[in-house]
Protein backbone atom coordinates (compact mmCIF):
# COMPACT_ATOMS: atom_id res chain seq x y z
CA UNK A 1 156.07 13.87 144.74
CA UNK A 2 156.35 14.16 140.98
CA UNK A 3 154.37 16.72 139.04
CA UNK A 4 151.68 15.76 136.56
CA UNK A 5 152.52 17.17 133.12
CA UNK A 6 150.16 18.08 130.28
CA UNK A 7 151.08 19.18 126.77
CA UNK A 8 149.48 22.60 126.22
CA UNK A 9 150.97 23.21 122.78
CA UNK A 10 149.05 24.81 119.93
CA UNK A 11 150.01 23.03 116.71
CA UNK A 12 149.70 26.30 114.78
CA UNK A 13 152.67 27.77 116.65
CA UNK A 14 156.27 26.89 115.85
CA UNK A 15 158.01 29.86 117.45
CA UNK A 16 160.45 29.52 120.33
CA UNK A 17 158.55 30.48 123.49
CA UNK A 18 160.84 32.89 125.34
CA UNK A 19 158.14 34.65 127.35
CA UNK A 20 155.37 33.39 129.63
CA UNK A 21 153.18 35.40 131.98
CA UNK A 22 150.09 34.03 133.75
CA UNK A 23 147.56 35.98 135.78
CA UNK A 24 146.17 32.79 137.30
CA UNK A 25 146.28 29.09 136.43
CA UNK A 26 143.84 29.57 133.53
CA UNK A 27 144.59 33.00 132.05
CA UNK A 28 147.96 33.90 130.64
CA UNK A 29 150.18 34.89 127.73
CA UNK A 30 152.96 33.24 125.77
CA UNK A 31 155.23 34.92 123.24
CA UNK A 32 158.39 34.34 121.24
CA UNK A 33 159.78 34.27 117.74
CA UNK A 34 161.46 32.24 115.03
CA UNK A 35 161.04 33.95 111.67
CA UNK A 36 158.26 36.15 113.04
CA UNK A 37 156.84 36.66 116.49
CA UNK A 38 153.60 35.48 118.02
CA UNK A 39 151.61 36.56 121.06
CA UNK A 40 149.16 34.00 122.39
CA UNK A 41 146.52 34.20 125.11
CA UNK A 42 144.66 31.41 126.88
CA UNK A 43 141.73 31.65 129.26
CA UNK A 44 141.31 27.91 129.85
CA UNK A 45 144.67 26.78 131.13
CA UNK A 46 146.27 26.13 127.75
CA UNK A 47 143.52 23.96 126.30
CA UNK A 48 143.22 26.51 123.50
CA UNK A 49 145.07 29.67 122.50
CA UNK A 50 144.04 32.86 120.76
CA UNK A 51 146.93 33.82 118.49
CA UNK A 52 148.04 37.19 117.20
CA UNK A 53 150.77 36.06 114.85
CA UNK A 54 152.77 36.99 111.73
CA UNK A 55 154.18 39.99 113.58
CA UNK A 56 157.58 41.27 112.38
CA UNK A 57 158.83 41.22 115.95
CA UNK A 58 161.15 39.25 118.20
CA UNK A 59 159.59 38.98 121.66
CA UNK A 60 161.65 37.95 124.68
CA UNK A 61 159.68 39.18 127.71
CA UNK A 62 156.06 39.76 128.63
CA UNK A 63 154.77 41.23 131.87
CA UNK A 64 151.67 42.62 133.57
CA UNK A 65 150.57 43.80 136.98
CA UNK A 66 146.80 43.59 136.61
CA UNK A 67 146.04 41.45 133.56
CA UNK A 68 144.69 44.39 131.57
CA UNK A 69 147.79 46.51 130.90
CA UNK A 70 150.17 44.04 129.23
CA UNK A 71 153.72 44.79 128.08
CA UNK A 72 155.94 42.81 125.70
CA UNK A 73 159.61 43.67 125.07
CA UNK A 74 161.84 42.69 122.17
CA UNK A 75 162.91 44.09 118.83
CA UNK A 76 161.36 45.16 115.55
CA UNK A 77 162.74 43.33 112.52
CA UNK A 78 161.44 45.95 110.08
CA UNK A 79 162.59 49.00 112.02
CA UNK A 80 165.79 47.32 113.24
CA UNK A 81 165.44 48.70 116.74
CA UNK A 82 164.19 47.96 120.22
CA UNK A 83 160.47 47.42 120.68
CA UNK A 84 157.90 47.72 123.44
CA UNK A 85 154.39 46.48 122.75
CA UNK A 86 151.61 47.41 125.14
CA UNK A 87 147.98 46.45 125.38
CA UNK A 88 145.32 48.31 127.36
CA UNK A 89 142.56 45.75 126.85
CA UNK A 90 143.94 42.49 128.19
CA UNK A 91 145.85 41.55 125.04
CA UNK A 92 143.18 42.06 122.39
CA UNK A 93 145.10 44.86 120.70
CA UNK A 94 148.78 45.79 120.83
CA UNK A 95 150.39 49.20 120.26
CA UNK A 96 154.08 49.30 119.20
CA UNK A 97 156.58 51.75 120.66
CA UNK A 98 159.86 51.88 118.72
CA UNK A 99 163.18 52.70 120.37
CA UNK A 100 164.71 54.07 117.17
CA UNK A 101 166.47 57.16 118.49
CA UNK A 102 163.65 59.53 117.54
CA UNK A 103 161.18 59.75 120.39
CA UNK A 104 162.92 57.02 122.39
CA UNK A 105 166.56 56.15 123.20
CA UNK A 106 167.97 53.96 120.44
CA UNK A 107 168.43 50.25 121.12
CA UNK A 108 168.87 47.22 118.90
CA UNK A 109 166.55 45.27 121.15
CA UNK A 110 165.38 44.42 124.68
CA UNK A 111 165.45 41.14 126.54
CA UNK A 112 163.52 41.87 129.73
CA UNK A 113 160.91 44.25 131.07
CA UNK A 114 160.44 44.64 134.83
CA UNK A 115 157.38 46.41 136.26
CA UNK A 116 158.19 47.88 139.68
CA UNK A 117 154.77 49.51 140.02
CA UNK A 118 152.05 50.93 137.77
CA UNK A 119 154.30 53.83 136.68
CA UNK A 120 157.90 52.60 136.95
CA UNK A 121 159.28 50.11 134.40
CA UNK A 122 162.78 49.10 133.28
CA UNK A 123 164.07 47.24 130.21
CA UNK A 124 167.54 45.93 129.39
CA UNK A 125 169.30 45.14 126.12
CA UNK A 126 172.21 45.97 123.83
CA UNK A 127 174.94 48.65 124.13
CA UNK A 128 175.08 48.34 127.90
CA UNK A 129 171.61 49.82 127.94
CA UNK A 130 169.03 49.79 130.68
CA UNK A 131 166.14 52.21 130.16
CA UNK A 132 163.63 53.39 132.73
CA UNK A 133 160.31 55.18 132.80
CA UNK A 134 158.67 56.72 135.87
CA UNK A 135 155.45 57.80 134.14
CA UNK A 136 154.02 54.59 132.65
CA UNK A 137 156.05 54.80 129.44
CA UNK A 138 155.39 58.35 128.30
CA UNK A 139 159.08 59.20 128.69
CA UNK A 140 162.05 56.84 128.80
CA UNK A 141 165.59 57.63 129.98
CA UNK A 142 168.83 55.69 129.75
CA UNK A 143 170.20 54.88 133.20
CA UNK A 144 173.87 54.63 134.15
CA UNK A 145 175.47 51.17 133.91
CA UNK A 146 179.05 52.29 133.30
CA UNK A 147 179.46 50.27 130.10
CA UNK A 148 178.44 50.58 126.46
CA UNK A 149 179.82 47.39 124.90
CA UNK A 150 177.87 44.78 126.81
CA UNK A 151 174.54 43.06 126.29
CA UNK A 152 172.22 42.96 129.30
CA UNK A 153 170.02 39.91 128.92
CA UNK A 154 168.83 39.44 132.50
CA UNK A 155 167.00 41.95 134.70
CA UNK A 156 165.24 41.12 137.96
CA UNK A 157 164.11 43.19 140.94
CA UNK A 158 163.70 41.89 144.48
CA UNK A 159 161.77 45.02 145.49
CA UNK A 160 161.29 48.53 144.11
CA UNK A 161 164.85 49.56 145.01
CA UNK A 162 167.06 46.48 144.82
CA UNK A 163 167.59 44.81 141.46
CA UNK A 164 170.07 42.59 139.65
CA UNK A 165 171.18 42.35 136.03
CA UNK A 166 173.58 40.16 134.07
CA UNK A 167 175.49 40.88 130.87
CA UNK A 168 177.73 39.43 128.20
CA UNK A 169 180.86 41.05 126.78
CA UNK A 170 180.61 42.98 123.52
CA UNK A 171 177.66 41.71 121.52
CA UNK A 172 177.88 38.18 122.91
CA UNK A 173 174.34 37.69 124.18
CA UNK A 174 174.94 33.93 124.29
CA UNK A 175 177.58 34.11 127.04
CA UNK A 176 176.11 36.02 129.96
CA UNK A 177 178.52 35.86 132.89
CA UNK A 178 178.78 39.18 134.74
CA UNK A 179 176.36 40.34 137.46
CA UNK A 180 175.35 43.91 138.40
CA UNK A 181 173.25 45.31 141.23
CA UNK A 182 171.25 48.48 141.88
CA UNK A 183 170.04 49.80 145.22
CA UNK A 184 168.26 52.93 143.96
CA UNK A 185 165.55 51.53 141.72
CA UNK A 186 167.78 51.04 138.69
CA UNK A 187 169.21 54.55 138.35
CA UNK A 188 172.78 53.37 138.99
CA UNK A 189 174.41 49.96 138.73
CA UNK A 190 177.61 48.42 140.09
CA UNK A 191 179.33 45.06 139.57
CA UNK A 192 178.92 42.39 142.25
CA UNK A 193 180.25 39.41 140.28
CA UNK A 194 183.02 39.88 137.73
CA UNK A 195 183.04 38.09 134.41
CA UNK A 196 183.86 34.37 134.63
CA UNK A 197 184.86 32.65 131.39
CA UNK A 198 183.74 29.24 132.73
CA UNK A 199 180.28 30.48 133.73
CA UNK A 200 177.24 30.92 131.53
CA UNK A 201 174.18 32.41 133.24
CA UNK A 202 170.74 31.36 132.05
CA UNK A 203 168.78 33.43 134.55
CA UNK A 204 168.88 34.99 138.01
CA UNK A 205 166.04 34.86 140.54
CA UNK A 206 165.73 36.35 144.03
CA UNK A 207 163.47 35.21 146.86
CA UNK A 208 164.05 38.50 148.68
CA UNK A 209 166.75 41.20 148.54
CA UNK A 210 169.22 38.92 150.37
CA UNK A 211 168.56 35.40 149.04
CA UNK A 212 168.94 34.62 145.36
CA UNK A 213 170.07 32.07 142.79
CA UNK A 214 172.08 32.00 139.58
CA UNK A 215 170.98 29.26 137.17
CA UNK A 216 173.24 28.26 134.31
CA UNK A 217 176.29 26.19 133.45
CA UNK A 218 179.77 26.21 135.01
CA UNK A 219 182.72 24.37 133.49
CA UNK A 220 180.34 22.38 131.26
CA UNK A 221 177.96 21.24 134.04
CA UNK A 222 174.52 22.51 134.95
CA UNK A 223 174.96 24.73 138.00
CA UNK A 224 173.00 26.65 140.60
CA UNK A 225 174.78 29.25 142.72
CA UNK A 226 173.13 30.71 145.81
CA UNK A 227 173.67 33.92 147.75
CA UNK A 228 172.33 34.78 151.18
CA UNK A 229 174.07 38.16 151.47
CA UNK A 230 172.59 40.17 148.59
CA UNK A 231 175.09 38.90 146.03
CA UNK A 232 178.32 39.64 147.90
CA UNK A 233 179.23 35.93 147.89
CA UNK A 234 177.93 32.99 145.89
CA UNK A 235 178.14 29.33 146.92
CA UNK A 236 177.51 26.26 144.79
CA UNK A 237 174.01 25.02 145.55
CA UNK A 238 173.63 22.33 142.87
CA UNK A 239 175.79 20.60 140.27
CA UNK A 240 173.86 18.72 137.60
CA UNK A 241 174.29 17.06 134.25
CA UNK A 242 177.22 17.55 131.90
CA UNK A 243 176.58 19.63 128.76
CA UNK A 244 173.26 20.97 130.07
CA UNK A 245 172.44 24.64 130.62
CA UNK A 246 169.71 25.74 133.02
CA UNK A 247 168.15 28.55 131.02
CA UNK A 248 165.18 29.63 133.11
CA UNK A 249 163.58 29.35 136.54
CA UNK A 250 160.80 30.72 138.68
CA UNK A 251 160.37 31.01 142.44
CA UNK A 252 157.04 30.32 144.12
CA UNK A 253 158.26 30.98 147.65
CA UNK A 254 161.41 30.49 149.71
CA UNK A 255 160.98 26.71 149.51
CA UNK A 256 159.56 25.94 146.07
CA UNK A 257 161.65 26.69 142.97
CA UNK A 258 161.40 25.17 139.49
CA UNK A 259 164.23 25.41 136.95
CA UNK A 260 164.47 24.17 133.38
CA UNK A 261 166.88 24.15 130.49
CA UNK A 262 168.34 22.39 127.51
CA UNK A 263 167.18 18.95 126.33
CA UNK A 264 164.02 18.86 128.48
CA UNK A 265 166.05 19.26 131.67
CA UNK A 266 163.76 20.14 134.61
CA UNK A 267 164.63 20.20 138.32
CA UNK A 268 162.66 21.23 141.39
CA UNK A 269 163.30 21.97 145.05
CA UNK A 270 160.68 22.07 147.79
CA UNK A 271 163.09 22.81 150.66
CA UNK A 272 164.77 26.03 149.62
CA UNK A 273 167.54 24.45 147.60
CA UNK A 274 168.70 21.83 150.11
CA UNK A 275 167.69 19.13 147.64
CA UNK A 276 166.99 19.29 143.90
CA UNK A 277 165.13 16.51 142.10
CA UNK A 278 164.76 15.94 138.37
CA UNK A 279 161.28 16.02 136.87
CA UNK A 280 160.16 13.98 133.87
CA UNK A 281 158.23 16.70 132.07
CA UNK A 282 157.28 14.68 129.02
CA UNK A 283 158.86 17.11 126.57
CA UNK A 284 160.57 15.55 123.55
CA UNK A 285 163.72 16.84 121.81
CA UNK A 286 163.12 20.48 122.76
CA UNK A 287 164.85 22.88 125.13
CA UNK A 288 162.99 24.89 127.74
CA UNK A 289 163.36 28.67 127.45
CA UNK A 290 160.90 30.04 130.01
CA UNK A 291 159.34 29.02 133.33
CA UNK A 292 156.23 30.53 134.89
CA UNK A 293 154.98 29.26 138.26
CA UNK A 294 151.46 30.48 138.93
CA UNK A 295 151.45 29.24 142.54
CA UNK A 296 152.58 26.15 144.45
CA UNK A 297 150.28 23.94 142.39
CA UNK A 298 150.26 25.11 138.77
CA UNK A 299 152.67 26.49 136.19
CA UNK A 300 153.95 26.40 132.62
CA UNK A 301 157.16 25.78 130.69
CA UNK A 302 157.86 27.37 127.31
CA UNK A 303 160.23 25.66 124.90
CA UNK A 304 161.68 25.76 121.42
CA UNK A 305 159.47 25.11 118.38
CA UNK A 306 156.27 26.16 120.14
CA UNK A 307 156.19 23.54 122.87
CA UNK A 308 154.34 24.54 126.05
CA UNK A 309 154.06 22.13 128.97
CA UNK A 310 151.62 22.68 131.81
CA UNK A 311 152.27 21.12 135.18
CA UNK A 312 150.63 20.52 138.52
CA UNK A 313 153.44 20.62 141.03
CA UNK A 314 152.10 18.10 143.50
CA UNK A 315 149.31 15.98 142.09
CA UNK A 316 150.65 12.81 140.47
CA UNK A 317 147.33 11.05 139.94
CA UNK A 318 143.63 11.65 139.75
CA UNK A 319 142.15 12.41 143.14
CA UNK A 320 141.19 9.11 144.74
CA UNK A 321 138.08 10.63 146.31
CA UNK A 322 136.54 10.53 142.86
CA UNK A 323 137.37 6.84 142.42
CA UNK A 324 135.64 3.76 143.80
CA UNK A 325 138.65 2.55 145.83
CA UNK A 326 138.39 4.84 148.83
CA UNK A 327 136.21 7.42 150.57
CA UNK A 328 137.79 10.15 152.68
CA UNK A 329 135.41 11.87 155.08
CA UNK A 330 134.71 14.47 156.19
CA UNK A 331 136.31 16.83 153.68
CA UNK A 332 137.01 19.57 154.76
CA UNK A 333 138.45 17.90 157.85
CA UNK A 334 138.39 19.08 161.44
CA UNK A 335 140.38 16.94 163.89
CA UNK A 336 139.99 13.40 162.57
CA UNK A 337 140.08 12.01 159.01
CA UNK A 338 138.60 8.64 158.12
CA UNK A 339 139.76 6.66 155.08
CA UNK A 340 137.08 4.06 154.26
CA UNK A 341 138.29 1.30 151.92
CA UNK A 342 135.46 0.31 149.61
CA UNK A 343 136.60 -3.07 148.33
CA UNK A 344 136.94 -4.76 151.74
CA UNK A 345 139.64 -5.75 154.19
CA UNK A 346 143.28 -5.11 153.43
CA UNK A 347 146.33 -6.50 155.18
CA UNK A 348 148.48 -3.41 155.73
CA UNK A 349 148.86 0.21 154.75
CA UNK A 350 151.34 3.08 154.73
CA UNK A 351 149.88 6.60 154.78
CA UNK A 352 151.82 9.80 154.11
CA UNK A 353 150.43 13.32 154.46
CA UNK A 354 152.20 16.13 152.55
CA UNK A 355 152.02 19.88 152.98
CA UNK A 356 151.94 22.26 150.00
CA UNK A 357 155.75 22.23 149.72
CA UNK A 358 155.74 18.47 149.17
CA UNK A 359 157.25 17.73 152.59
CA UNK A 360 156.01 14.68 154.50
CA UNK A 361 154.49 15.92 157.76
CA UNK A 362 152.65 12.75 158.89
CA UNK A 363 153.63 9.13 158.24
CA UNK A 364 151.46 6.35 159.61
CA UNK A 365 151.31 2.60 158.98
CA UNK A 366 149.61 -0.50 160.34
CA UNK A 367 146.82 -2.98 159.66
CA UNK A 368 144.26 -1.49 157.30
CA UNK A 369 141.05 -3.41 157.87
CA UNK A 370 138.19 -1.48 156.31
CA UNK A 371 138.90 1.96 157.77
CA UNK A 372 141.94 4.02 158.72
CA UNK A 373 141.56 6.76 161.34
CA UNK A 374 144.04 9.65 161.41
CA UNK A 375 144.36 12.43 163.98
CA UNK A 376 145.01 15.71 162.14
CA UNK A 377 144.33 18.00 165.09
CA UNK A 378 147.85 19.47 165.03
CA UNK A 379 147.69 20.58 161.37
CA UNK A 380 147.12 24.21 160.49
CA UNK A 381 144.32 25.31 158.17
CA UNK A 382 145.16 24.69 154.51
CA UNK A 383 145.32 22.23 151.62
CA UNK A 384 147.13 18.92 152.10
CA UNK A 385 147.88 15.85 150.01
CA UNK A 386 147.98 12.15 150.84
CA UNK A 387 149.49 9.00 149.45
CA UNK A 388 148.02 5.72 150.74
CA UNK A 389 149.91 2.51 149.88
CA UNK A 390 147.80 -0.62 150.39
CA UNK A 391 149.35 -4.12 150.63
CA UNK A 392 152.59 -2.67 149.21
CA UNK A 393 151.20 -2.62 145.68
CA UNK A 394 148.19 -0.31 145.41
CA UNK A 395 148.81 3.44 145.77
CA UNK A 396 145.88 5.84 146.23
CA UNK A 397 146.44 9.58 146.18
CA UNK A 398 144.40 12.72 146.67
CA UNK A 399 144.03 15.99 148.54
CA UNK A 400 141.93 17.40 151.36
CA UNK A 401 141.23 20.66 153.16
CA UNK A 402 141.95 21.10 156.86
CA UNK A 403 139.97 23.78 158.71
């Protein structure tokens, strides 16, 4: 099932959107930079944005645990050093913290901030640097990575102890191709994948400490590598288009993953990487830089030049229950569902019921008449979707609740 895509762009913004963080499907933040940085907040699912702009910052990552304490990592153009912005009031006001070598370890800039809990955060950036705080940012220390001439652009934790990072050689932040791991909450790091000149890593995401994915480009083709043994070995999971880089991804659960990249390239799996399907996101002439999945139904893509696309992962049409073609009753449904066709008799039908991963769990066909009865007694409680094809030319779609 294809996602439904909506353009959630604010025409006042032209920055590249490197950072997205949503608290729920309606409330979230977007940030980035071109000449200057912008931080935007929406409370209505991207229909409108409140903008705090004209900031002399480059912002690459934004994160929160509770929606009130918000953190944004990047660099200060005026101070020429690493930057951490934090807000204590849900993004209304932002306080800068400069990593200029005075009260904080010096850094040219940070690319990611990971929040392990309310007190423990880590950021990664230039000079082989990963910094950590264990007291909510009052004091920051440089942790041991074993290098000082690499740029760490990727930082992700599977739990509070196990994390992964990826770096580029020297100051080459464009060619990230070496992977590190920590097992002690980021205090020490060791290499689990040596530098590969043919590989360019866009991002790394882990489902759990054992299962994870590298998204990027290998030998000029879009690539996904998968590990099931905590990064000891990596197998090719997907080979895609030539001259396309997968720059970003997000994992909803072990089955649902969305990845995006250059030239509006978007792919999705609903079966844990067994199959990947391209999505037509509706973006035009821009490259996706960030992916944020709110849940299995809603999410956002951030792109160059201010483009933000909102998607619904599984609804590809207006719900048919609100149309005059069909009535589904009862809803919520107990054991039996009844599809009543309003317009009259139909020759034949094909009905498919999908779970929230997009997998077909019931397929039924026959003579339609005026009503179709379906036994749903074996389904567990939850939200489901249906696609009803009538006379091979009329497709009605919608969702229902099973109790």
